[in-house]
Amino acid sequence: MIRLKEKHRTFTNAFRIMAIKLEALPGVMAKDIAEILEIHPLNEH
């Protein structure tokens, strides 16, 4: 079986700043932020 190399997304500084601001909001869960940003919840940290 041939294994294809997975695509890695690169994130801009603006994207990272938005993620940090969302994470700082009170009561917002990581899974909700991940859904908004269309990333896996474990990628947020």
C-alpha atoms as a PDB file:
ATOM      1  CA  MET A   1       0.000   0.000   0.000  1.00  0.00           C
ATOM      2  CA  ILE A   2       1.308   3.433  -0.943  1.00  0.00           C
ATOM      3  CA  ARG A   3       0.992   5.998   1.787  1.00  0.00           C
ATOM      4  CA  LEU A   4       0.427   9.527   0.565  1.00  0.00           C
ATOM      5  CA  LYS A   5       2.043  12.346   2.450  1.00  0.00           C
ATOM      6  CA  GLU A   6      -0.490  14.244   4.521  1.00  0.00           C
ATOM      7  CA  LYS A   7      -1.078  17.866   3.681  1.00  0.00           C
ATOM      8  CA  HIS A   8      -0.049  20.293   6.384  1.00  0.00           C
ATOM      9  CA  ARG A   9      -1.826  23.585   6.697  1.00  0.00           C
ATOM     10  CA  THR A  10       0.188  26.674   7.419  1.00  0.00           C
ATOM     11  CA  PHE A  11      -1.418  29.360   9.487  1.00  0.00           C
ATOM     12  CA  THR A  12      -0.861  33.076   9.113  1.00  0.00           C
ATOM     13  CA  ASN A  13      -0.056  35.287  12.076  1.00  0.00           C
ATOM     14  CA  ALA A  14      -3.513  36.864  11.734  1.00  0.00           C
ATOM     15  CA  PHE A  15      -5.111  33.418  12.034  1.00  0.00           C
ATOM     16  CA  ARG A  16      -3.030  32.625  15.122  1.00  0.00           C
ATOM     17  CA  ILE A  17      -3.907  35.955  16.757  1.00  0.00           C
ATOM     18  CA  MET A  18      -7.608  35.344  16.111  1.00  0.00           C
ATOM     19  CA  ALA A  19      -7.331  31.890  17.696  1.00  0.00           C
ATOM     20  CA  ILE A  20      -5.644  33.346  20.780  1.00  0.00           C
ATOM     21  CA  LYS A  21      -8.305  36.046  21.130  1.00  0.00           C
ATOM     22  CA  LEU A  22     -11.076  33.455  20.842  1.00  0.00           C
ATOM     23  CA  GLU A  23      -9.407  31.264  23.449  1.00  0.00           C
ATOM     24  CA  ALA A  24      -9.229  34.199  25.865  1.00  0.00           C
ATOM     25  CA  LEU A  25     -13.009  34.685  25.807  1.00  0.00           C
ATOM     26  CA  PRO A  26     -14.692  33.460  28.993  1.00  0.00           C
ATOM     27  CA  GLY A  27     -16.871  30.374  28.632  1.00  0.00           C
ATOM     28  CA  VAL A  28     -15.631  29.431  25.163  1.00  0.00           C
ATOM     29  CA  MET A  29     -14.593  25.784  24.852  1.00  0.00           C
ATOM     30  CA  ALA A  30     -11.688  24.532  22.745  1.00  0.00           C
ATOM     31  CA  LYS A  31     -14.010  22.355  20.653  1.00  0.00           C
ATOM     32  CA  ASP A  32     -16.092  25.408  19.742  1.00  0.00           C
ATOM     33  CA  ILE A  33     -13.013  27.377  18.696  1.00  0.00           C
ATOM     34  CA  ALA A  34     -11.772  24.425  16.657  1.00  0.00           C
ATOM     35  CA  GLU A  35     -15.114  24.219  14.886  1.00  0.00           C
ATOM     36  CA  ILE A  36     -15.096  27.938  14.101  1.00  0.00           C
ATOM     37  CA  LEU A  37     -11.513  27.806  12.788  1.00  0.00           C
ATOM     38  CA  GLU A  38     -12.044  24.461  11.025  1.00  0.00           C
ATOM     39  CA  ILE A  39      -9.134  22.776  12.823  1.00  0.00           C
ATOM     40  CA  HIS A  40      -8.835  19.674  14.972  1.00  0.00           C
ATOM     41  CA  PRO A  41      -9.371  20.483  18.682  1.00  0.00           C
ATOM     42  CA  LEU A  42      -5.921  19.175  19.584  1.00  0.00           C
ATOM     43  CA  ASN A  43      -4.252  21.518  17.084  1.00  0.00           C
ATOM     44  CA  GLU A  44      -5.330  24.542  19.034  1.00  0.00           C
ATOM     45  CA  HIS A  45      -2.628  24.326  21.712  1.00  0.00           C
END
